[in-house]
């Protein structure tokens, strides 16, 4: 990451938010919390965005941080059977609107991060493709290596 001060400026309000902090209590993959996973996806997205000289780094970071802002344990049977993989992008995007002042673009970035799993909702922006890729890379590493 070439400009950590920009990443910090773009992410500060989200990372300091008490409701977003609840993500620390939910496991995402292996032993990784939703909070840790979201932070890693945001850092990777920001680095990829720097490499490709993406202009809207703020939306990229905010969308990446909030991409899994669903606020529940998806490992319990009732959530696993509720088609979490297909439904959580909408839940996260709606929570982004509820707890933060996200733009329509940021909503779209969050909403599309599970593509191609959510086939009918591909990313509409370059930033969305980056978040989608970073999420898959981080999720694969967390699932295979299950660090903790």
C-alpha atoms as a PDB file:
ATOM      1  CA  UNK A   1       0.000   0.000   0.000  1.00  0.00           C
ATOM      2  CA  UNK A   2       1.622   3.216  -1.195  1.00  0.00           C
ATOM      3  CA  UNK A   3      -0.657   5.680   0.599  1.00  0.00           C
ATOM      4  CA  UNK A   4      -1.788   4.263   3.957  1.00  0.00           C
ATOM      5  CA  UNK A   5      -2.820   7.745   5.102  1.00  0.00           C
ATOM      6  CA  UNK A   6      -5.469   7.857   2.351  1.00  0.00           C
ATOM      7  CA  UNK A   7      -6.724   4.403   3.303  1.00  0.00           C
ATOM      8  CA  UNK A   8      -6.994   5.565   6.913  1.00  0.00           C
ATOM      9  CA  UNK A   9      -8.876   8.720   5.929  1.00  0.00           C
ATOM     10  CA  UNK A  10     -11.347   6.790   3.752  1.00  0.00           C
ATOM     11  CA  UNK A  11     -11.962   4.074   6.352  1.00  0.00           C
ATOM     12  CA  UNK A  12     -11.812   5.945   9.671  1.00  0.00           C
ATOM     13  CA  UNK A  13     -15.540   6.614  10.200  1.00  0.00           C
ATOM     14  CA  UNK A  14     -16.440   2.998   9.434  1.00  0.00           C
ATOM     15  CA  UNK A  15     -13.665   1.390  11.473  1.00  0.00           C
ATOM     16  CA  UNK A  16     -14.489   3.590  14.487  1.00  0.00           C
ATOM     17  CA  UNK A  17     -18.231   2.900  14.308  1.00  0.00           C
ATOM     18  CA  UNK A  18     -19.548   0.768  17.203  1.00  0.00           C
ATOM     19  CA  UNK A  19     -22.075  -1.072  15.046  1.00  0.00           C
ATOM     20  CA  UNK A  20     -19.414  -1.983  12.480  1.00  0.00           C
ATOM     21  CA  UNK A  21     -17.285  -3.123  15.434  1.00  0.00           C
ATOM     22  CA  UNK A  22     -19.876  -5.838  16.092  1.00  0.00           C
ATOM     23  CA  UNK A  23     -18.438  -7.600  13.032  1.00  0.00           C
ATOM     24  CA  UNK A  24     -15.532  -8.636  15.284  1.00  0.00           C
ATOM     25  CA  UNK A  25     -17.868 -11.068  17.045  1.00  0.00           C
ATOM     26  CA  UNK A  26     -18.943 -12.962  13.904  1.00  0.00           C
ATOM     27  CA  UNK A  27     -16.745 -15.553  12.172  1.00  0.00           C
ATOM     28  CA  UNK A  28     -16.469 -15.309   8.410  1.00  0.00           C
ATOM     29  CA  UNK A  29     -14.049 -18.015   7.183  1.00  0.00           C
ATOM     30  CA  UNK A  30     -11.959 -20.377   9.294  1.00  0.00           C
ATOM     31  CA  UNK A  31     -11.055 -18.390  12.413  1.00  0.00           C
ATOM     32  CA  UNK A  32     -11.291 -15.001  10.721  1.00  0.00           C
ATOM     33  CA  UNK A  33     -13.912 -12.526  11.899  1.00  0.00           C
ATOM     34  CA  UNK A  34     -16.105 -10.611   9.473  1.00  0.00           C
ATOM     35  CA  UNK A  35     -14.298  -7.461  10.673  1.00  0.00           C
ATOM     36  CA  UNK A  36     -10.828  -8.868   9.878  1.00  0.00           C
ATOM     37  CA  UNK A  37     -12.009 -10.249   6.546  1.00  0.00           C
ATOM     38  CA  UNK A  38     -13.594  -6.939   5.544  1.00  0.00           C
ATOM     39  CA  UNK A  39     -10.475  -5.009   6.522  1.00  0.00           C
ATOM     40  CA  UNK A  40      -8.248  -7.343   4.487  1.00  0.00           C
ATOM     41  CA  UNK A  41     -10.555  -7.110   1.456  1.00  0.00           C
ATOM     42  CA  UNK A  42     -10.499  -3.303   1.765  1.00  0.00           C
ATOM     43  CA  UNK A  43      -6.689  -3.180   2.018  1.00  0.00           C
ATOM     44  CA  UNK A  44      -6.265  -5.489  -0.961  1.00  0.00           C
ATOM     45  CA  UNK A  45      -8.864  -3.550  -2.965  1.00  0.00           C
ATOM     46  CA  UNK A  46      -7.118  -0.275  -2.158  1.00  0.00           C
ATOM     47  CA  UNK A  47      -3.735  -1.681  -3.250  1.00  0.00           C
ATOM     48  CA  UNK A  48      -5.198  -3.009  -6.502  1.00  0.00           C
ATOM     49  CA  UNK A  49      -6.906   0.346  -7.011  1.00  0.00           C
ATOM     50  CA  UNK A  50      -3.604   2.159  -6.513  1.00  0.00           C
ATOM     51  CA  UNK A  51      -1.922  -0.133  -9.044  1.00  0.00           C
ATOM     52  CA  UNK A  52      -4.622   0.512 -11.651  1.00  0.00           C
ATOM     53  CA  UNK A  53      -4.857   4.226 -10.761  1.00  0.00           C
ATOM     54  CA  UNK A  54      -8.546   4.060  -9.835  1.00  0.00           C
ATOM     55  CA  UNK A  55      -9.753   7.603  -9.222  1.00  0.00           C
ATOM     56  CA  UNK A  56     -12.579   6.885  -6.770  1.00  0.00           C
ATOM     57  CA  UNK A  57     -10.522   5.192  -4.074  1.00  0.00           C
ATOM     58  CA  UNK A  58     -12.893   6.434  -1.365  1.00  0.00           C
ATOM     59  CA  UNK A  59     -15.884   4.524  -2.748  1.00  0.00           C
ATOM     60  CA  UNK A  60     -13.630   1.520  -3.327  1.00  0.00           C
ATOM     61  CA  UNK A  61     -12.501   1.410   0.317  1.00  0.00           C
ATOM     62  CA  UNK A  62     -15.947   2.085   1.764  1.00  0.00           C
ATOM     63  CA  UNK A  63     -17.628  -0.485  -0.469  1.00  0.00           C
ATOM     64  CA  UNK A  64     -14.993  -3.072   0.375  1.00  0.00           C
ATOM     65  CA  UNK A  65     -15.255  -2.467   4.118  1.00  0.00           C
ATOM     66  CA  UNK A  66     -19.035  -2.757   4.064  1.00  0.00           C
ATOM     67  CA  UNK A  67     -19.334  -5.641   1.590  1.00  0.00           C
ATOM     68  CA  UNK A  68     -20.116  -8.172   4.369  1.00  0.00           C
ATOM     69  CA  UNK A  69     -21.817  -5.827   6.851  1.00  0.00           C
ATOM     70  CA  UNK A  70     -24.695  -8.265   7.517  1.00  0.00           C
ATOM     71  CA  UNK A  71     -24.450  -8.413  11.360  1.00  0.00           C
ATOM     72  CA  UNK A  72     -25.327 -12.057  12.070  1.00  0.00           C
ATOM     73  CA  UNK A  73     -23.653 -15.445  12.401  1.00  0.00           C
ATOM     74  CA  UNK A  74     -24.197 -17.147   9.059  1.00  0.00           C
ATOM     75  CA  UNK A  75     -22.894 -20.477  10.397  1.00  0.00           C
ATOM     76  CA  UNK A  76     -26.054 -21.231  12.392  1.00  0.00           C
ATOM     77  CA  UNK A  77     -28.416 -23.620  10.552  1.00  0.00           C
ATOM     78  CA  UNK A  78     -31.277 -21.163  10.124  1.00  0.00           C
ATOM     79  CA  UNK A  79     -28.975 -18.666   8.370  1.00  0.00           C
ATOM     80  CA  UNK A  80     -27.135 -21.282   6.309  1.00  0.00           C
ATOM     81  CA  UNK A  81     -30.461 -22.529   4.953  1.00  0.00           C
ATOM     82  CA  UNK A  82     -31.690 -18.977   4.292  1.00  0.00           C
ATOM     83  CA  UNK A  83     -29.443 -18.804   1.223  1.00  0.00           C
ATOM     84  CA  UNK A  84     -26.962 -16.468   2.934  1.00  0.00           C
ATOM     85  CA  UNK A  85     -24.649 -16.445  -0.101  1.00  0.00           C
ATOM     86  CA  UNK A  86     -27.348 -14.929  -2.279  1.00  0.00           C
ATOM     87  CA  UNK A  87     -29.022 -12.671   0.275  1.00  0.00           C
ATOM     88  CA  UNK A  88     -26.223 -11.137   2.335  1.00  0.00           C
ATOM     89  CA  UNK A  89     -25.093  -8.606  -0.306  1.00  0.00           C
ATOM     90  CA  UNK A  90     -28.514  -6.915  -0.115  1.00  0.00           C
ATOM     91  CA  UNK A  91     -28.483  -7.058   3.694  1.00  0.00           C
ATOM     92  CA  UNK A  92     -24.980  -5.561   3.796  1.00  0.00           C
ATOM     93  CA  UNK A  93     -25.875  -2.822   1.299  1.00  0.00           C
ATOM     94  CA  UNK A  94     -29.035  -1.948   3.240  1.00  0.00           C
ATOM     95  CA  UNK A  95     -27.045  -1.856   6.498  1.00  0.00           C
ATOM     96  CA  UNK A  96     -24.548   0.430   4.764  1.00  0.00           C
ATOM     97  CA  UNK A  97     -27.404   2.824   4.021  1.00  0.00           C
ATOM     98  CA  UNK A  98     -28.850   2.452   7.515  1.00  0.00           C
ATOM     99  CA  UNK A  99     -25.636   3.133   9.480  1.00  0.00           C
ATOM    100  CA  UNK A 100     -23.554   5.222   7.047  1.00  0.00           C
ATOM    101  CA  UNK A 101     -24.144   7.815   4.366  1.00  0.00           C
ATOM    102  CA  UNK A 102     -23.203   5.598   1.423  1.00  0.00           C
ATOM    103  CA  UNK A 103     -23.673   6.691  -2.153  1.00  0.00           C
ATOM    104  CA  UNK A 104     -25.640   4.798  -4.776  1.00  0.00           C
ATOM    105  CA  UNK A 105     -22.315   3.729  -6.257  1.00  0.00           C
ATOM    106  CA  UNK A 106     -21.126   2.329  -2.907  1.00  0.00           C
ATOM    107  CA  UNK A 107     -24.457   0.511  -2.555  1.00  0.00           C
ATOM    108  CA  UNK A 108     -23.865  -1.053  -5.972  1.00  0.00           C
ATOM    109  CA  UNK A 109     -20.293  -2.063  -5.053  1.00  0.00           C
ATOM    110  CA  UNK A 110     -21.558  -3.877  -1.953  1.00  0.00           C
ATOM    111  CA  UNK A 111     -24.546  -5.381  -3.756  1.00  0.00           C
ATOM    112  CA  UNK A 112     -22.447  -6.892  -6.567  1.00  0.00           C
ATOM    113  CA  UNK A 113     -19.510  -8.340  -4.613  1.00  0.00           C
ATOM    114  CA  UNK A 114     -20.737 -11.964  -4.791  1.00  0.00           C
ATOM    115  CA  UNK A 115     -20.799 -12.141  -8.581  1.00  0.00           C
ATOM    116  CA  UNK A 116     -20.877 -14.638 -10.327  1.00  0.00           C
ATOM    117  CA  UNK A 117     -22.676 -16.386  -7.444  1.00  0.00           C
ATOM    118  CA  UNK A 118     -25.347 -13.701  -7.726  1.00  0.00           C
ATOM    119  CA  UNK A 119     -25.489 -14.052 -11.486  1.00  0.00           C
ATOM    120  CA  UNK A 120     -28.033 -11.309 -12.144  1.00  0.00           C
ATOM    121  CA  UNK A 121     -26.051  -8.632 -10.288  1.00  0.00           C
ATOM    122  CA  UNK A 122     -22.635  -8.196 -11.948  1.00  0.00           C
ATOM    123  CA  UNK A 123     -20.434  -5.266 -10.939  1.00  0.00           C
ATOM    124  CA  UNK A 124     -21.301  -2.048 -12.789  1.00  0.00           C
ATOM    125  CA  UNK A 125     -18.100  -0.199 -11.885  1.00  0.00           C
ATOM    126  CA  UNK A 126     -14.365  -0.931 -12.066  1.00  0.00           C
ATOM    127  CA  UNK A 127     -14.289  -0.644  -8.282  1.00  0.00           C
ATOM    128  CA  UNK A 128     -16.908  -3.385  -8.044  1.00  0.00           C
ATOM    129  CA  UNK A 129     -14.791  -5.770 -10.097  1.00  0.00           C
ATOM    130  CA  UNK A 130     -11.829  -5.052  -7.820  1.00  0.00           C
ATOM    131  CA  UNK A 131     -13.847  -5.750  -4.645  1.00  0.00           C
ATOM    132  CA  UNK A 132     -15.236  -8.916  -6.201  1.00  0.00           C
ATOM    133  CA  UNK A 133     -11.707 -10.142  -7.001  1.00  0.00           C
ATOM    134  CA  UNK A 134     -10.198  -9.116  -3.644  1.00  0.00           C
ATOM    135  CA  UNK A 135     -13.052 -10.808  -1.767  1.00  0.00           C
ATOM    136  CA  UNK A 136     -12.505 -14.080  -3.654  1.00  0.00           C
ATOM    137  CA  UNK A 137      -8.742 -14.020  -3.071  1.00  0.00           C
ATOM    138  CA  UNK A 138      -9.066 -13.238   0.654  1.00  0.00           C
ATOM    139  CA  UNK A 139     -11.889 -15.777   1.143  1.00  0.00           C
ATOM    140  CA  UNK A 140      -9.905 -18.517  -0.562  1.00  0.00           C
ATOM    141  CA  UNK A 141      -6.850 -17.854   1.610  1.00  0.00           C
ATOM    142  CA  UNK A 142      -8.915 -17.722   4.797  1.00  0.00           C
ATOM    143  CA  UNK A 143     -10.751 -20.927   3.938  1.00  0.00           C
ATOM    144  CA  UNK A 144      -7.701 -22.929   2.867  1.00  0.00           C
ATOM    145  CA  UNK A 145      -5.246 -21.750   5.505  1.00  0.00           C
ATOM    146  CA  UNK A 146      -7.760 -21.129   8.333  1.00  0.00           C
ATOM    147  CA  UNK A 147      -5.291 -18.972  10.191  1.00  0.00           C
ATOM    148  CA  UNK A 148      -6.257 -17.828  13.628  1.00  0.00           C
END
